[in-house]
Amino acid sequence: MSEAPCIAAFGTGSDVGKSVVATALNRIFLNRGLRTAPFKAQNMSNNSGVTPEGLEMGRAQIVQAEAARIPPHVDMNPILLKPTTDVGCQVVLMGEAVANQTAVEYHTRKAHLFDTACRALDRLRSRFDVVVMEGAGSCAEVNLMAHDIVNFPMAEYADAPVILIADIHRGGVFAQLVGTLACLPPERRDRIAGFIVNRFRGDIRLFDDGVKWIEANTGKPVFGVLPWYTHIAIEAEDSVIIESPPTVLPGRGTRPAVAVIRIPHISNFTDFDPLSAVKGLDLFFIEKVQDLSGFAAVILPGSKNTRFDLEWLKTTGWSRRLAAYAEKDGHILGICGGYQLLGNRVYDPQGLEGVPGTTEGLGLLPVETTLMAPKTTTLSRFAWGDVQGTGYEIHMGRTDRIGGAPLFTILAQNGAAPANTEDGCISDGGRIMATYMHGLFDTPAVTRRWLDTIGLGRLDTGDTPAGPAARDREYDRLAEHFENHVDTEAILRLIRRSPPGNTAV
């Protein structure tokens, strides 16, 4: 059987809609009877998840695998870079953390990494009918092209046609498209099969002349113009969507509010998507120091650099605000890195997050954390009293309780008996609690239990979307939205040019 064809979704910049288009294509191809799989050679994100094998990969490709209704596998994202500083990152290779490197150090390994990505793509092409490839950032960053292994080098290896995506909401959409083409050598311009214009607001007919101008001046078709949508909930790949959040004043209306502190190295911010869907509840990401007294609860999210974020909380004044909120009987929840932040100390004897040493924690929970390798990556089933849920753990180190009580009982990890049957900590008063469990709000019963503990048990979460089944409905909505506004048949013709022998499109 011949190798499966590939199609690539590249962008004129970051956060223009590449992941959403790739997700839509995976569901559309699935609906056409194709065995489809996602692929991104290298993902840079602190938003990650765990495969059934207990390996780590980018959350965006897990979402795309869900859209294709297949289990996620590290071949879909062989290289994951998790930023730890402005110039360094943790390198996760084929699902396992292998090094902390600067950008310069990483570039010296590009040949080996590109080969690893190619082998992963080869395996996917042997197992599926079509592979939907996603690019990274702008595909025309001239200063980075020599080191790029995600965009055109991978498309060239797979002989994949490229759909170029631009975001009209940012402004300058014509310059985005024409400028991207101008920065590319002729052979790479020729690989671009056409365009999708994303996030259009208003009467879409007003852009008809714009479509004609783009096609006349580039010689390439516009496959479609996607209107802005608010009726579909797809997990975001990049925390750029929560950058620079405003100060908010909760408590002035009738709706209770929960705050998530937007720490510098926030990870897995999509943990809170199910909370944002609870009827009658407002969820805010906040960054600038402000009064917390109006919030029903405050959440400290995951962190990719706990010690740095601890110092940030102290120097900005957040630590004092959190202490005052706790003293006034406020409810605080820490998740993963947030669990470590709430404790008394974080020990880093191996220098995993910088210079070896100890950082004093917020002192709001009686726990101490020691950072150490190897990284824990598990899919877990847990119990909170008589309520059971599922989630996943991704963290470096161990946290030991020296007081309080465990929050959850671990029932299984990666499908087997757990190595440790306890997780998390809850203070003696019950108002401050923490866990290593990401994704806990995907289980509606767990969400209801937590809302009850913070005094919001009156909120109705009975039909709140959560978990894989709810996300599956959103992928269908996305595919319908896409097909209503994009020439899907033209895109299907791009992959029909060399279909695998057993594929009927």
Protein backbone atom coordinates (compact mmCIF):
# COMPACT_ATOMS: atom_id res chain seq x y z
CA MET A 1 0.00 0.00 0.00
CA SER A 2 1.34 3.46 -0.88
CA GLU A 3 1.94 6.14 1.73
CA ALA A 4 -1.06 8.21 2.75
CA PRO A 5 -1.22 11.74 1.35
CA CYS A 6 -0.71 14.71 3.65
CA ILE A 7 -2.18 18.19 3.69
CA ALA A 8 -0.68 21.05 5.68
CA ALA A 9 -2.32 23.97 7.51
CA PHE A 10 0.23 26.81 7.79
CA GLY A 11 -0.26 30.33 9.08
CA THR A 12 0.78 33.89 8.39
CA GLY A 13 1.50 34.17 12.12
CA SER A 14 0.79 32.72 15.53
CA ASP A 15 -2.80 32.27 16.73
CA VAL A 16 -4.34 32.80 13.29
CA GLY A 17 -6.36 29.56 13.37
CA LYS A 18 -4.04 26.76 12.22
CA SER A 19 -5.07 24.40 15.02
CA VAL A 20 -8.77 25.06 14.49
CA VAL A 21 -8.50 24.43 10.74
CA ALA A 22 -6.52 21.23 11.34
CA THR A 23 -9.13 20.09 13.87
CA ALA A 24 -11.97 20.80 11.44
CA LEU A 25 -10.23 18.94 8.60
CA ASN A 26 -9.69 15.87 10.78
CA ARG A 27 -13.40 15.68 11.60
CA ILE A 28 -14.45 16.43 7.99
CA PHE A 29 -12.18 13.73 6.57
CA LEU A 30 -13.46 11.30 9.22
CA ASN A 31 -17.04 12.10 8.20
CA ARG A 32 -16.08 11.30 4.60
CA GLY A 33 -15.02 7.80 5.64
CA LEU A 34 -11.27 8.42 5.79
CA ARG A 35 -8.97 7.19 8.51
CA THR A 36 -7.33 10.50 9.39
CA ALA A 37 -4.64 11.54 11.87
CA PRO A 38 -3.07 14.83 13.00
CA PHE A 39 0.63 15.65 12.96
CA LYS A 40 2.79 18.51 14.18
CA ALA A 41 6.51 17.84 14.04
CA GLN A 42 7.38 20.29 16.79
CA ASN A 43 5.02 22.02 19.16
CA MET A 44 6.06 24.81 21.55
CA SER A 45 3.50 24.97 24.32
CA ASN A 46 3.05 24.43 28.03
CA ASN A 47 -0.42 23.07 27.30
CA SER A 48 0.15 19.33 27.10
CA GLY A 49 -1.55 16.04 27.88
CA VAL A 50 -0.91 12.33 28.37
CA THR A 51 -1.41 9.46 25.94
CA PRO A 52 -2.85 6.05 26.91
CA GLU A 53 0.75 4.82 27.07
CA GLY A 54 1.57 7.42 29.73
CA LEU A 55 3.62 9.64 27.39
CA GLU A 56 3.39 13.43 26.99
CA MET A 57 2.39 15.36 23.88
CA GLY A 58 0.91 18.71 22.90
CA ARG A 59 -2.70 19.29 23.88
CA ALA A 60 -3.59 20.62 20.40
CA GLN A 61 -2.77 17.30 18.75
CA ILE A 62 -4.72 15.46 21.46
CA VAL A 63 -7.70 17.63 20.53
CA GLN A 64 -7.18 16.86 16.84
CA ALA A 65 -6.92 13.13 17.59
CA GLU A 66 -10.24 13.41 19.44
CA ALA A 67 -11.70 15.07 16.34
CA ALA A 68 -10.46 12.09 14.31
CA ARG A 69 -11.87 9.74 16.99
CA ILE A 70 -8.56 7.97 17.50
CA PRO A 71 -6.35 7.62 20.60
CA PRO A 72 -3.58 10.22 20.79
CA HIS A 73 -0.07 8.92 20.08
CA VAL A 74 3.30 10.65 20.37
CA ASP A 75 3.92 10.05 16.64
CA MET A 76 1.40 12.87 16.17
CA ASN A 77 3.66 15.29 18.06
CA PRO A 78 7.15 13.79 18.29
CA ILE A 79 8.80 16.96 19.61
CA LEU A 80 7.28 19.13 22.34
CA LEU A 81 9.10 22.19 23.66
CA LYS A 82 7.88 23.50 27.02
CA PRO A 83 9.23 27.01 27.71
CA THR A 84 10.80 27.38 31.17
CA THR A 85 12.52 30.75 30.66
CA ASP A 86 12.63 33.43 27.97
CA VAL A 87 15.53 31.61 26.27
CA GLY A 88 15.20 28.00 27.41
CA CYS A 89 12.78 25.10 27.35
CA GLN A 90 12.30 21.51 28.37
CA VAL A 91 12.58 19.17 25.39
CA VAL A 92 10.05 16.33 25.33
CA LEU A 93 11.09 13.82 22.66
CA MET A 94 8.68 11.04 21.70
CA GLY A 95 6.75 11.65 24.89
CA GLU A 96 9.62 11.75 27.38
CA ALA A 97 11.45 14.74 28.87
CA VAL A 98 15.07 14.42 27.75
CA ALA A 99 16.75 17.79 28.41
CA ASN A 100 16.48 21.45 29.34
CA GLN A 101 18.13 23.49 26.60
CA THR A 102 18.56 27.01 25.32
CA ALA A 103 17.45 27.81 21.78
CA VAL A 104 21.07 27.79 20.60
CA GLU A 105 21.71 24.37 22.13
CA TYR A 106 18.50 23.03 20.62
CA HIS A 107 19.43 24.19 17.12
CA THR A 108 22.60 22.06 17.19
CA ARG A 109 20.37 18.94 17.36
CA LYS A 110 18.01 19.89 14.54
CA ALA A 111 19.23 17.24 12.07
CA HIS A 112 18.55 14.43 14.55
CA LEU A 113 15.22 15.94 15.57
CA PHE A 114 14.08 16.37 11.98
CA ASP A 115 14.89 12.73 11.29
CA THR A 116 12.90 11.71 14.38
CA ALA A 117 9.91 13.73 13.15
CA CYS A 118 10.13 12.23 9.66
CA ARG A 119 10.14 8.68 11.03
CA ALA A 120 7.08 9.50 13.16
CA LEU A 121 5.27 10.88 10.12
CA ASP A 122 6.22 7.79 8.10
CA ARG A 123 4.58 5.58 10.71
CA LEU A 124 1.38 7.63 10.64
CA ARG A 125 1.27 7.54 6.83
CA SER A 126 1.51 3.75 6.92
CA ARG A 127 -1.45 3.46 9.31
CA PHE A 128 -3.91 6.09 8.06
CA ASP A 129 -5.54 7.27 4.84
CA VAL A 130 -4.62 10.94 5.22
CA VAL A 131 -2.51 12.99 7.63
CA VAL A 132 -3.37 16.59 8.50
CA MET A 133 -0.15 18.46 9.24
CA GLU A 134 -0.06 21.66 11.28
CA GLY A 135 2.63 24.31 10.99
CA ALA A 136 4.03 26.57 13.69
CA GLY A 137 3.90 30.36 13.96
CA SER A 138 4.48 32.09 10.65
CA CYS A 139 5.75 29.84 7.87
CA ALA A 140 7.76 32.77 6.47
CA GLU A 141 10.05 33.86 9.32
CA VAL A 142 13.14 34.47 7.21
CA ASN A 143 15.49 34.59 10.21
CA LEU A 144 14.33 31.15 11.37
CA MET A 145 14.02 29.30 8.06
CA ALA A 146 17.45 27.68 8.34
CA HIS A 147 16.39 26.03 11.61
CA ASP A 148 12.75 25.31 10.78
CA ILE A 149 11.68 21.66 10.94
CA VAL A 150 7.93 22.23 11.31
CA ASN A 151 6.75 24.13 8.26
CA PHE A 152 8.04 23.81 4.69
CA PRO A 153 10.82 21.24 5.32
CA MET A 154 8.18 18.86 6.64
CA ALA A 155 5.69 19.70 3.88
CA GLU A 156 8.44 19.09 1.31
CA TYR A 157 9.35 15.78 2.92
CA ALA A 158 5.69 14.68 2.70
CA ASP A 159 5.06 16.40 -0.66
CA ALA A 160 2.05 18.01 1.00
CA PRO A 161 0.00 20.86 -0.47
CA VAL A 162 -0.25 23.82 1.90
CA ILE A 163 -3.31 25.82 2.92
CA LEU A 164 -2.20 29.25 4.18
CA ILE A 165 -4.39 30.71 6.94
CA ALA A 166 -4.67 34.42 7.76
CA ASP A 167 -6.57 36.21 10.53
CA ILE A 168 -8.61 39.16 9.27
CA HIS A 169 -9.50 40.19 12.85
CA ARG A 170 -5.88 41.29 13.34
CA GLY A 171 -6.13 43.67 10.39
CA GLY A 172 -3.88 43.79 7.34
CA VAL A 173 -5.09 40.50 5.93
CA PHE A 174 -4.00 41.38 2.37
CA ALA A 175 -0.50 42.21 3.56
CA GLN A 176 -0.46 39.01 5.64
CA LEU A 177 -1.06 36.86 2.58
CA VAL A 178 0.88 38.75 -0.07
CA GLY A 179 3.73 39.49 2.34
CA THR A 180 4.04 35.83 3.32
CA LEU A 181 4.29 34.82 -0.35
CA ALA A 182 6.88 37.55 -0.98
CA CYS A 183 9.11 36.20 1.79
CA LEU A 184 9.16 32.68 0.32
CA PRO A 185 11.36 31.30 -2.48
CA PRO A 186 9.45 30.35 -5.66
CA GLU A 187 9.34 26.60 -4.96
CA ARG A 188 7.72 27.19 -1.59
CA ARG A 189 5.26 29.73 -2.98
CA ASP A 190 4.24 27.08 -5.50
CA ARG A 191 3.52 24.60 -2.71
CA ILE A 192 0.79 26.88 -1.31
CA ALA A 193 -2.43 25.64 -2.87
CA GLY A 194 -4.69 28.40 -1.60
CA PHE A 195 -5.89 30.42 1.37
CA ILE A 196 -8.41 30.46 4.20
CA VAL A 197 -9.30 33.80 5.76
CA ASN A 198 -10.27 33.32 9.40
CA ARG A 199 -12.28 35.29 12.00
CA PHE A 200 -14.38 37.57 9.78
CA ARG A 201 -16.90 39.77 11.59
CA GLY A 202 -19.95 41.27 9.95
CA ASP A 203 -21.66 40.68 6.59
CA ILE A 204 -19.39 38.24 4.80
CA ARG A 205 -20.61 39.49 1.41
CA LEU A 206 -18.70 42.70 2.05
CA PHE A 207 -15.48 40.75 1.59
CA ASP A 208 -16.34 39.44 -1.90
CA ASP A 209 -14.19 42.12 -3.51
CA GLY A 210 -11.39 41.26 -1.08
CA VAL A 211 -11.49 37.62 -2.19
CA LYS A 212 -11.31 38.69 -5.84
CA TRP A 213 -8.34 40.98 -5.09
CA ILE A 214 -6.42 38.22 -3.28
CA GLU A 215 -7.02 35.74 -6.08
CA ALA A 216 -6.13 38.25 -8.81
CA ASN A 217 -2.93 39.37 -7.10
CA THR A 218 -1.66 35.96 -6.02
CA GLY A 219 -3.00 33.61 -8.68
CA LYS A 220 -4.21 31.30 -5.91
CA PRO A 221 -7.76 30.51 -4.76
CA VAL A 222 -9.37 31.54 -1.50
CA PHE A 223 -10.94 28.30 -0.30
CA GLY A 224 -13.18 30.14 2.12
CA VAL A 225 -13.77 32.92 4.61
CA LEU A 226 -14.60 31.67 8.10
CA PRO A 227 -16.89 33.93 10.12
CA TRP A 228 -16.17 34.67 13.76
CA TYR A 229 -18.00 32.18 15.96
CA THR A 230 -19.06 32.11 19.60
CA HIS A 231 -21.24 28.99 19.53
CA ILE A 232 -18.38 26.49 19.32
CA ALA A 233 -15.95 25.66 22.14
CA ILE A 234 -12.61 24.23 20.97
CA GLU A 235 -9.63 24.08 23.33
CA ALA A 236 -7.04 26.72 22.47
CA GLU A 237 -3.44 25.67 21.82
CA ASP A 238 -1.62 28.79 22.95
CA SER A 239 -1.94 30.87 26.10
CA VAL A 240 -1.68 33.98 23.92
CA ILE A 241 -5.49 34.08 24.17
CA ILE A 242 -5.23 34.90 27.89
CA GLU A 243 -2.32 37.34 27.70
CA SER A 244 -2.68 40.71 29.47
CA PRO A 245 -6.09 40.05 31.03
CA PRO A 246 -7.80 43.11 32.50
CA THR A 247 -8.55 43.90 36.13
CA VAL A 248 -12.09 42.81 36.99
CA LEU A 249 -14.51 43.85 39.69
CA PRO A 250 -16.61 40.84 40.71
CA GLY A 251 -19.47 40.92 43.11
CA ARG A 252 -21.21 43.97 41.63
CA GLY A 253 -23.63 41.88 39.61
CA THR A 254 -25.76 38.89 40.40
CA ARG A 255 -23.31 36.26 39.14
CA PRO A 256 -20.60 34.77 41.37
CA ALA A 257 -17.07 34.75 39.96
CA VAL A 258 -13.95 32.58 40.14
CA ALA A 259 -10.46 33.94 39.42
CA VAL A 260 -7.49 32.13 37.88
CA ILE A 261 -4.16 33.86 38.54
CA ARG A 262 -2.38 34.18 35.20
CA ILE A 263 1.17 33.36 36.39
CA PRO A 264 4.06 33.89 33.92
CA HIS A 265 4.65 30.20 33.13
CA ILE A 266 1.02 29.09 33.19
CA SER A 267 0.41 25.60 31.81
CA ASN A 268 -2.71 23.65 30.91
CA PHE A 269 -4.96 26.69 31.14
CA THR A 270 -7.65 24.70 29.32
CA ASP A 271 -8.25 22.85 32.61
CA PHE A 272 -10.81 25.57 33.33
CA ASP A 273 -12.83 25.47 30.10
CA PRO A 274 -15.60 23.40 31.76
CA LEU A 275 -15.90 25.99 34.56
CA SER A 276 -16.38 28.76 32.03
CA ALA A 277 -19.38 26.81 30.70
CA VAL A 278 -21.17 26.58 34.06
CA LYS A 279 -24.39 28.57 33.85
CA GLY A 280 -24.50 31.49 36.24
CA LEU A 281 -20.74 31.50 36.91
CA ASP A 282 -18.12 33.96 35.66
CA LEU A 283 -14.53 32.78 35.21
CA PHE A 284 -11.75 35.36 34.91
CA PHE A 285 -8.02 35.09 34.27
CA ILE A 286 -6.35 37.93 36.15
CA GLU A 287 -2.72 39.08 36.14
CA LYS A 288 -2.48 42.57 37.62
CA VAL A 289 -2.55 42.57 41.42
CA GLN A 290 -6.02 43.41 42.68
CA ASP A 291 -8.41 42.86 45.56
CA LEU A 292 -9.71 39.29 45.69
CA SER A 293 -12.50 39.65 48.23
CA GLY A 294 -15.28 39.63 45.61
CA PHE A 295 -14.35 36.20 44.23
CA ALA A 296 -16.05 33.01 45.38
CA ALA A 297 -12.75 31.17 44.82
CA VAL A 298 -9.24 31.76 43.49
CA ILE A 299 -7.30 29.15 41.49
CA LEU A 300 -3.54 28.82 41.11
CA PRO A 301 -3.00 26.91 37.84
CA GLY A 302 -0.19 24.73 36.59
CA SER A 303 3.29 26.22 36.16
CA LYS A 304 6.27 25.18 34.05
CA ASN A 305 8.66 27.04 36.39
CA THR A 306 7.32 26.90 39.93
CA ARG A 307 10.26 28.66 41.60
CA PHE A 308 10.23 31.58 39.14
CA ASP A 309 6.46 31.97 39.48
CA LEU A 310 6.75 31.88 43.28
CA GLU A 311 9.16 34.81 43.18
CA TRP A 312 6.84 36.61 40.78
CA LEU A 313 3.91 36.16 43.17
CA LYS A 314 6.03 37.64 45.96
CA THR A 315 7.59 40.59 44.12
CA THR A 316 4.31 41.66 42.51
CA GLY A 317 2.42 41.57 45.80
CA TRP A 318 0.15 38.69 44.87
CA SER A 319 1.42 36.62 47.81
CA ARG A 320 0.15 39.23 50.28
CA ARG A 321 -3.20 39.44 48.52
CA LEU A 322 -3.58 35.66 48.57
CA ALA A 323 -2.65 35.49 52.25
CA ALA A 324 -5.21 38.19 53.08
CA TYR A 325 -7.85 36.39 51.03
CA ALA A 326 -7.11 33.13 52.89
CA GLU A 327 -7.29 34.89 56.28
CA LYS A 328 -10.78 36.14 55.39
CA ASP A 329 -11.95 32.55 54.76
CA GLY A 330 -11.46 32.67 50.99
CA HIS A 331 -11.43 29.44 49.00
CA ILE A 332 -8.20 28.65 47.12
CA LEU A 333 -7.53 25.73 44.77
CA GLY A 334 -4.09 24.81 43.44
CA ILE A 335 -3.61 22.50 40.46
CA CYS A 336 -0.25 20.83 39.70
CA GLY A 337 2.28 23.70 39.84
CA GLY A 338 -0.34 25.61 41.82
CA TYR A 339 -0.23 22.79 44.37
CA GLN A 340 3.53 23.31 44.72
CA LEU A 341 3.12 27.10 44.96
CA LEU A 342 0.75 26.82 47.94
CA GLY A 343 3.17 24.82 50.09
CA ASN A 344 5.89 25.85 52.55
CA ARG A 345 8.95 25.22 50.40
CA VAL A 346 10.10 24.04 46.99
CA TYR A 347 13.44 22.22 46.99
CA ASP A 348 15.38 21.99 43.73
CA PRO A 349 18.58 20.06 44.52
CA GLN A 350 19.29 19.20 40.87
CA GLY A 351 18.67 22.70 39.50
CA LEU A 352 15.82 21.56 37.26
CA GLU A 353 14.38 25.09 37.24
CA GLY A 354 17.59 27.10 37.42
CA VAL A 355 20.27 27.36 40.07
CA PRO A 356 19.97 24.56 42.65
CA GLY A 357 18.41 25.76 45.88
CA THR A 358 15.24 26.22 47.91
CA THR A 359 12.41 28.70 47.40
CA GLU A 360 9.98 29.58 50.17
CA GLY A 361 6.40 28.87 49.17
CA LEU A 362 3.20 30.77 49.94
CA GLY A 363 2.77 28.79 53.16
CA LEU A 364 -0.95 28.27 52.70
CA LEU A 365 -0.88 24.46 52.73
CA PRO A 366 1.22 22.18 55.00
CA VAL A 367 3.20 20.53 52.18
CA GLU A 368 6.75 20.59 50.84
CA THR A 369 7.86 19.82 47.27
CA THR A 370 11.13 18.37 46.01
CA LEU A 371 11.70 18.80 42.28
CA MET A 372 13.28 15.72 40.73
CA ALA A 373 13.39 13.59 37.60
CA PRO A 374 11.91 11.57 36.02
CA LYS A 375 8.73 13.38 35.10
CA THR A 376 5.43 11.87 36.24
CA THR A 377 2.98 11.41 33.35
CA THR A 378 -0.15 9.41 34.09
CA LEU A 379 -3.76 9.03 33.09
CA SER A 380 -5.52 8.64 36.42
CA ARG A 381 -8.85 7.65 37.92
CA PHE A 382 -9.52 9.13 41.35
CA ALA A 383 -12.17 9.40 44.05
CA TRP A 384 -13.18 12.46 46.04
CA GLY A 385 -15.23 10.82 48.75
CA ASP A 386 -18.10 9.12 46.94
CA VAL A 387 -17.46 11.01 43.67
CA GLN A 388 -15.16 9.50 41.04
CA GLY A 389 -13.41 11.30 38.21
CA THR A 390 -10.62 11.03 35.67
CA GLY A 391 -7.67 13.29 34.95
CA TYR A 392 -3.97 13.29 34.17
CA GLU A 393 -0.74 14.19 35.91
CA ILE A 394 2.27 15.93 34.33
CA HIS A 395 4.85 17.14 36.84
CA MET A 396 8.45 16.99 37.96
CA GLY A 397 8.94 16.07 41.59
CA ARG A 398 7.13 14.87 44.69
CA THR A 399 5.00 16.79 47.18
CA ASP A 400 4.85 15.54 50.76
CA ARG A 401 2.11 16.40 53.25
CA ILE A 402 3.22 17.43 56.74
CA GLY A 403 -0.32 18.25 57.83
CA GLY A 404 -3.87 18.51 56.56
CA ALA A 405 -5.46 15.56 54.78
CA PRO A 406 -5.25 14.06 51.27
CA LEU A 407 -7.76 15.46 48.81
CA PHE A 408 -8.21 12.51 46.44
CA THR A 409 -7.76 8.74 46.55
CA ILE A 410 -6.05 7.45 43.41
CA LEU A 411 -7.81 4.36 42.06
CA ALA A 412 -5.73 3.68 38.94
CA GLN A 413 -2.81 5.13 36.97
CA ASN A 414 -2.29 4.30 33.29
CA GLY A 415 -4.78 1.48 33.68
CA ALA A 416 -2.92 -0.22 36.54
CA ALA A 417 -2.83 -0.14 40.32
CA PRO A 418 -1.43 3.22 41.50
CA ALA A 419 2.07 3.61 42.93
CA ASN A 420 0.67 6.17 45.38
CA THR A 421 -2.94 5.98 46.54
CA GLU A 422 -3.15 9.58 47.80
CA ASP A 423 -3.14 12.87 45.92
CA GLY A 424 -3.28 16.46 47.00
CA CYS A 425 -3.96 18.17 50.27
CA ILE A 426 -6.86 19.93 51.95
CA SER A 427 -6.37 22.30 54.86
CA ASP A 428 -7.86 21.60 58.27
CA GLY A 429 -10.51 24.25 57.63
CA GLY A 430 -11.31 22.82 54.19
CA ARG A 431 -11.04 26.15 52.38
CA ILE A 432 -7.62 25.64 50.79
CA MET A 433 -7.01 22.55 48.69
CA ALA A 434 -4.70 21.38 45.94
CA THR A 435 -4.09 18.45 43.62
CA TYR A 436 -1.75 17.29 40.88
CA MET A 437 -4.75 16.30 38.77
CA HIS A 438 -5.25 18.15 35.48
CA GLY A 439 -8.61 17.78 33.77
CA LEU A 440 -10.55 17.22 36.99
CA PHE A 441 -13.38 19.52 35.85
CA ASP A 442 -13.98 17.30 32.82
CA THR A 443 -16.10 15.18 35.19
CA PRO A 444 -19.34 17.10 35.93
CA ALA A 445 -19.78 15.37 39.30
CA VAL A 446 -16.35 16.62 40.41
CA THR A 447 -17.23 20.15 39.26
CA ARG A 448 -20.46 19.99 41.27
CA ARG A 449 -18.59 18.74 44.32
CA TRP A 450 -16.06 21.59 44.11
CA LEU A 451 -18.75 24.22 43.56
CA ASP A 452 -20.54 22.92 46.63
CA THR A 453 -17.35 23.26 48.73
CA ILE A 454 -17.02 26.94 47.76
CA GLY A 455 -20.65 27.70 48.53
CA LEU A 456 -21.97 27.61 44.97
CA GLY A 457 -23.86 24.33 45.12
CA ARG A 458 -26.97 26.17 43.96
CA LEU A 459 -25.54 26.49 40.44
CA ASP A 460 -26.98 24.01 37.97
CA THR A 461 -24.29 21.97 36.24
CA GLY A 462 -26.60 19.20 35.08
CA ASP A 463 -26.18 19.97 31.38
CA THR A 464 -22.83 21.71 31.55
CA PRO A 465 -20.65 20.53 28.63
CA ALA A 466 -17.63 18.63 29.91
CA GLY A 467 -15.40 15.75 28.97
CA PRO A 468 -14.78 13.85 25.73
CA ALA A 469 -18.44 13.37 24.80
CA ALA A 470 -19.13 17.09 25.00
CA ARG A 471 -15.96 17.93 23.05
CA ASP A 472 -17.03 15.47 20.35
CA ARG A 473 -20.22 17.48 19.81
CA GLU A 474 -18.14 20.63 19.45
CA TYR A 475 -16.02 19.01 16.72
CA ASP A 476 -19.20 18.26 14.77
CA ARG A 477 -20.30 21.88 15.15
CA LEU A 478 -16.89 23.06 13.97
CA ALA A 479 -16.97 20.77 10.93
CA GLU A 480 -20.45 22.04 10.01
CA HIS A 481 -19.33 25.66 10.37
CA PHE A 482 -16.28 24.95 8.23
CA GLU A 483 -18.21 23.17 5.48
CA ASN A 484 -20.76 26.00 5.34
CA HIS A 485 -18.06 28.53 4.46
CA VAL A 486 -15.14 26.64 2.89
CA ASP A 487 -14.88 24.82 -0.43
CA THR A 488 -14.26 21.43 1.13
CA GLU A 489 -14.43 19.64 -2.21
CA ALA A 490 -11.53 21.73 -3.50
CA ILE A 491 -9.51 20.73 -0.44
CA LEU A 492 -10.44 17.06 -0.89
CA ARG A 493 -9.17 17.26 -4.48
CA LEU A 494 -5.76 18.24 -3.12
CA ILE A 495 -5.42 14.88 -1.38
CA ARG A 496 -7.03 12.87 -4.18
CA ARG A 497 -4.06 13.45 -6.43
CA SER A 498 -2.18 10.47 -4.91
CA PRO A 499 -4.57 8.59 -2.63
CA PRO A 500 -3.59 5.35 -0.93
CA GLY A 501 -4.62 2.22 -2.75
CA ASN A 502 -7.40 1.27 -0.34
CA THR A 503 -8.97 4.72 0.04
CA ALA A 504 -12.27 5.76 -1.44
CA VAL A 505 -13.00 9.47 -1.09
